[in-house]
Amino acid sequence: MRLGIFVGCFLAVWGLARVGFVPSSIGDANLAWVALLALVLSAPLSFVLLRKQRDEMSEQIVDRVAGAKARLADNRSQEDAADDAARAARS
């Protein structure tokens, strides 16, 4: 999605540069100049427009981490119980 926003900004800036609304280049760096302007425009746009997707992904990651921590705690308690049983059998 972020790439799509960048491509849209790139095409918009390129079109505006061709029309003469924005400066078309700095020296001979026409394509680099347009890409830089598109990057500067697309960064805040993607931050605002993709907030919902970013929040959903964050919730999924938090859920996965919580599940992994729970499994790790279960595994540790099983190991502790087996260790205690082995020590009790030796005594």
N, C-alpha and C. Protein backbone atom coordinates (compact mmCIF):
# COMPACT_ATOMS: atom_id res chain seq x y z
N MET A 1 0.82 -1.20 0.00
CA MET A 1 0.00 0.00 0.00
C MET A 1 0.87 1.26 0.00
N ARG A 2 1.95 1.16 0.77
CA ARG A 2 2.86 2.30 0.84
C ARG A 2 3.50 2.57 -0.51
N LEU A 3 3.84 1.51 -1.20
CA LEU A 3 4.42 1.66 -2.53
C LEU A 3 3.41 2.28 -3.49
N GLY A 4 2.16 1.89 -3.38
CA GLY A 4 1.12 2.47 -4.22
C GLY A 4 0.96 3.97 -3.99
N ILE A 5 1.03 4.37 -2.74
CA ILE A 5 0.94 5.80 -2.42
C ILE A 5 2.14 6.53 -3.01
N PHE A 6 3.33 5.93 -2.90
CA PHE A 6 4.53 6.56 -3.46
C PHE A 6 4.41 6.68 -4.98
N VAL A 7 3.95 5.62 -5.65
CA VAL A 7 3.82 5.67 -7.11
C VAL A 7 2.80 6.73 -7.51
N GLY A 8 1.70 6.83 -6.78
CA GLY A 8 0.71 7.86 -7.06
C GLY A 8 1.29 9.26 -6.90
N CYS A 9 2.04 9.46 -5.83
CA CYS A 9 2.68 10.77 -5.62
C CYS A 9 3.72 11.04 -6.70
N PHE A 10 4.47 10.01 -7.08
CA PHE A 10 5.47 10.18 -8.13
C PHE A 10 4.83 10.62 -9.43
N LEU A 11 3.74 9.94 -9.80
CA LEU A 11 3.07 10.31 -11.04
C LEU A 11 2.47 11.71 -10.97
N ALA A 12 1.93 12.07 -9.81
CA ALA A 12 1.36 13.40 -9.64
C ALA A 12 2.45 14.48 -9.74
N VAL A 13 3.57 14.26 -9.06
CA VAL A 13 4.65 15.24 -9.10
C VAL A 13 5.25 15.31 -10.50
N TRP A 14 5.41 14.16 -11.15
CA TRP A 14 5.94 14.14 -12.51
C TRP A 14 5.03 14.93 -13.45
N GLY A 15 3.71 14.71 -13.31
CA GLY A 15 2.76 15.46 -14.14
C GLY A 15 2.81 16.95 -13.87
N LEU A 16 2.91 17.33 -12.60
CA LEU A 16 3.00 18.75 -12.25
C LEU A 16 4.32 19.36 -12.73
N ALA A 17 5.38 18.57 -12.74
CA ALA A 17 6.66 19.07 -13.25
C ALA A 17 6.60 19.25 -14.77
N ARG A 18 5.92 18.35 -15.46
CA ARG A 18 5.80 18.45 -16.91
C ARG A 18 4.98 19.68 -17.31
N VAL A 19 3.96 19.99 -16.50
CA VAL A 19 3.11 21.15 -16.77
C VAL A 19 3.83 22.44 -16.40
N GLY A 20 4.76 22.36 -15.45
CA GLY A 20 5.51 23.55 -15.03
C GLY A 20 5.02 24.12 -13.72
N PHE A 21 4.15 23.39 -13.02
CA PHE A 21 3.62 23.87 -11.74
C PHE A 21 4.67 23.79 -10.64
N VAL A 22 5.50 22.76 -10.67
CA VAL A 22 6.61 22.62 -9.72
C VAL A 22 7.89 22.63 -10.53
N PRO A 23 9.00 23.02 -9.93
CA PRO A 23 10.28 23.00 -10.67
C PRO A 23 10.57 21.60 -11.18
N SER A 24 10.99 21.50 -12.42
CA SER A 24 11.17 20.19 -13.02
C SER A 24 12.47 19.52 -12.60
N SER A 25 13.47 20.29 -12.17
CA SER A 25 14.72 19.64 -11.76
C SER A 25 15.63 20.62 -11.06
N ILE A 26 16.66 20.03 -10.47
CA ILE A 26 17.77 20.80 -9.94
C ILE A 26 18.96 20.37 -10.78
N GLY A 27 19.41 21.20 -11.66
CA GLY A 27 20.49 20.82 -12.57
C GLY A 27 20.00 19.76 -13.55
N ASP A 28 20.73 18.64 -13.62
CA ASP A 28 20.36 17.55 -14.52
C ASP A 28 19.63 16.42 -13.80
N ALA A 29 19.23 16.61 -12.56
CA ALA A 29 18.65 15.54 -11.75
C ALA A 29 17.12 15.54 -11.80
N ASN A 30 16.55 15.49 -12.98
CA ASN A 30 15.10 15.57 -13.11
C ASN A 30 14.40 14.40 -12.43
N LEU A 31 14.76 13.18 -12.76
CA LEU A 31 14.09 12.01 -12.20
C LEU A 31 14.33 11.90 -10.70
N ALA A 32 15.55 12.16 -10.27
CA ALA A 32 15.86 12.11 -8.84
C ALA A 32 15.09 13.19 -8.09
N TRP A 33 14.96 14.36 -8.67
CA TRP A 33 14.21 15.45 -8.05
C TRP A 33 12.74 15.09 -7.89
N VAL A 34 12.15 14.53 -8.92
CA VAL A 34 10.74 14.11 -8.86
C VAL A 34 10.57 13.01 -7.82
N ALA A 35 11.49 12.06 -7.78
CA ALA A 35 11.42 10.97 -6.79
C ALA A 35 11.54 11.51 -5.37
N LEU A 36 12.43 12.46 -5.16
CA LEU A 36 12.59 13.06 -3.84
C LEU A 36 11.33 13.79 -3.40
N LEU A 37 10.75 14.58 -4.29
CA LEU A 37 9.50 15.27 -3.96
C LEU A 37 8.38 14.26 -3.67
N ALA A 38 8.31 13.21 -4.46
CA ALA A 38 7.28 12.18 -4.24
C ALA A 38 7.48 11.50 -2.90
N LEU A 39 8.71 11.24 -2.53
CA LEU A 39 9.01 10.62 -1.23
C LEU A 39 8.59 11.52 -0.08
N VAL A 40 8.90 12.80 -0.21
CA VAL A 40 8.54 13.77 0.83
C VAL A 40 7.02 13.89 0.97
N LEU A 41 6.30 13.79 -0.13
CA LEU A 41 4.84 13.86 -0.08
C LEU A 41 4.21 12.55 0.40
N SER A 42 4.75 11.43 -0.03
CA SER A 42 4.12 10.15 0.29
C SER A 42 4.32 9.72 1.74
N ALA A 43 5.40 10.16 2.38
CA ALA A 43 5.65 9.75 3.76
C ALA A 43 4.54 10.19 4.71
N PRO A 44 4.19 11.47 4.77
CA PRO A 44 3.10 11.84 5.69
C PRO A 44 1.73 11.30 5.23
N LEU A 45 1.54 11.20 3.91
CA LEU A 45 0.28 10.64 3.43
C LEU A 45 0.10 9.20 3.87
N SER A 46 1.15 8.40 3.75
CA SER A 46 1.04 7.00 4.14
C SER A 46 0.87 6.89 5.65
N PHE A 47 1.49 7.78 6.41
CA PHE A 47 1.33 7.76 7.86
C PHE A 47 -0.13 7.98 8.25
N VAL A 48 -0.79 8.90 7.58
CA VAL A 48 -2.18 9.22 7.90
C VAL A 48 -3.14 8.20 7.28
N LEU A 49 -2.94 7.89 6.01
CA LEU A 49 -3.89 7.03 5.31
C LEU A 49 -3.82 5.56 5.73
N LEU A 50 -2.67 5.12 6.20
CA LEU A 50 -2.52 3.71 6.56
C LEU A 50 -2.55 3.46 8.06
N ARG A 51 -3.08 4.41 8.82
CA ARG A 51 -3.13 4.27 10.27
C ARG A 51 -3.96 3.06 10.69
N LYS A 52 -5.10 2.85 10.06
CA LYS A 52 -5.96 1.72 10.43
C LYS A 52 -5.25 0.39 10.22
N GLN A 53 -4.60 0.23 9.07
CA GLN A 53 -3.88 -1.01 8.79
C GLN A 53 -2.71 -1.20 9.76
N ARG A 54 -2.03 -0.12 10.11
CA ARG A 54 -0.91 -0.20 11.04
C ARG A 54 -1.40 -0.62 12.43
N ASP A 55 -2.54 -0.09 12.87
CA ASP A 55 -3.09 -0.47 14.17
C ASP A 55 -3.53 -1.92 14.19
N GLU A 56 -4.16 -2.39 13.11
CA GLU A 56 -4.57 -3.79 13.03
C GLU A 56 -3.37 -4.72 13.06
N MET A 57 -2.32 -4.37 12.34
CA MET A 57 -1.11 -5.20 12.33
C MET A 57 -0.46 -5.21 13.71
N SER A 58 -0.48 -4.09 14.39
CA SER A 58 0.08 -4.01 15.73
C SER A 58 -0.68 -4.92 16.69
N GLU A 59 -2.00 -4.95 16.59
CA GLU A 59 -2.80 -5.84 17.44
C GLU A 59 -2.47 -7.30 17.16
N GLN A 60 -2.30 -7.65 15.89
CA GLN A 60 -1.96 -9.03 15.55
C GLN A 60 -0.60 -9.42 16.12
N ILE A 61 0.35 -8.50 16.06
CA ILE A 61 1.68 -8.79 16.59
C ILE A 61 1.63 -8.95 18.10
N VAL A 62 0.87 -8.09 18.77
CA VAL A 62 0.74 -8.19 20.22
C VAL A 62 0.11 -9.52 20.61
N ASP A 63 -0.91 -9.95 19.88
CA ASP A 63 -1.55 -11.24 20.16
C ASP A 63 -0.58 -12.40 19.96
N ARG A 64 0.21 -12.35 18.90
CA ARG A 64 1.19 -13.41 18.64
C ARG A 64 2.26 -13.46 19.72
N VAL A 65 2.73 -12.30 20.15
CA VAL A 65 3.75 -12.26 21.20
C VAL A 65 3.19 -12.78 22.51
N ALA A 66 1.96 -12.42 22.83
CA ALA A 66 1.34 -12.90 24.05
C ALA A 66 1.18 -14.42 24.00
N GLY A 67 0.79 -14.96 22.86
CA GLY A 67 0.67 -16.41 22.71
C GLY A 67 2.01 -17.10 22.85
N ALA A 68 3.04 -16.52 22.26
CA ALA A 68 4.38 -17.11 22.37
C ALA A 68 4.87 -17.08 23.81
N LYS A 69 4.60 -15.99 24.51
CA LYS A 69 5.01 -15.91 25.92
C LYS A 69 4.26 -16.94 26.76
N ALA A 70 2.98 -17.15 26.49
CA ALA A 70 2.20 -18.15 27.22
C ALA A 70 2.74 -19.55 26.96
N ARG A 71 3.06 -19.87 25.70
CA ARG A 71 3.62 -21.19 25.39
C ARG A 71 4.97 -21.39 26.06
N LEU A 72 5.78 -20.34 26.08
CA LEU A 72 7.09 -20.42 26.73
C LEU A 72 6.93 -20.67 28.23
N ALA A 73 5.99 -19.98 28.85
CA ALA A 73 5.75 -20.18 30.29
C ALA A 73 5.26 -21.60 30.56
N ASP A 74 4.39 -22.11 29.69
CA ASP A 74 3.91 -23.50 29.85
C ASP A 74 5.07 -24.49 29.73
N ASN A 75 5.93 -24.28 28.75
CA ASN A 75 7.08 -25.16 28.57
C ASN A 75 8.02 -25.10 29.76
N ARG A 76 8.22 -23.93 30.30
CA ARG A 76 9.10 -23.80 31.47
C ARG A 76 8.50 -24.52 32.67
N SER A 77 7.19 -24.41 32.87
CA SER A 77 6.58 -25.08 34.02
C SER A 77 6.63 -26.59 33.85
N GLN A 78 6.50 -27.09 32.62
CA GLN A 78 6.61 -28.54 32.38
C GLN A 78 8.03 -29.02 32.67
N GLU A 79 9.01 -28.24 32.26
CA GLU A 79 10.40 -28.62 32.53
C GLU A 79 10.69 -28.60 34.02
N ASP A 80 10.14 -27.60 34.72
CA ASP A 80 10.35 -27.52 36.16
C ASP A 80 9.70 -28.72 36.86
N ALA A 81 8.52 -29.12 36.44
CA ALA A 81 7.84 -30.26 37.05
C ALA A 81 8.62 -31.54 36.77
N ALA A 82 9.11 -31.72 35.59
CA ALA A 82 9.91 -32.93 35.28
C ALA A 82 11.20 -32.94 36.05
N ASP A 83 11.83 -31.79 36.22
CA ASP A 83 13.07 -31.68 36.98
C ASP A 83 12.82 -32.00 38.46
N ASP A 84 11.73 -31.47 39.00
CA ASP A 84 11.41 -31.74 40.40
C ASP A 84 11.12 -33.21 40.61
N ALA A 85 10.42 -33.85 39.68
CA ALA A 85 10.12 -35.28 39.79
C ALA A 85 11.40 -36.11 39.72
N ALA A 86 12.32 -35.74 38.87
CA ALA A 86 13.58 -36.47 38.75
C ALA A 86 14.41 -36.31 40.02
N ARG A 87 14.42 -35.15 40.61
CA ARG A 87 15.17 -34.94 41.84
C ARG A 87 14.53 -35.71 43.01
N ALA A 88 13.20 -35.76 43.03
CA ALA A 88 12.52 -36.49 44.09
C ALA A 88 12.78 -37.98 43.97
N ALA A 89 12.90 -38.48 42.75
CA ALA A 89 13.15 -39.90 42.55
C ALA A 89 14.57 -40.27 42.98
N ARG A 90 15.52 -39.37 42.85
CA ARG A 90 16.91 -39.65 43.26
C ARG A 90 17.07 -39.63 44.77
N SER A 91 16.25 -38.90 45.46
CA SER A 91 16.41 -38.76 46.92
C SER A 91 15.86 -39.89 47.69
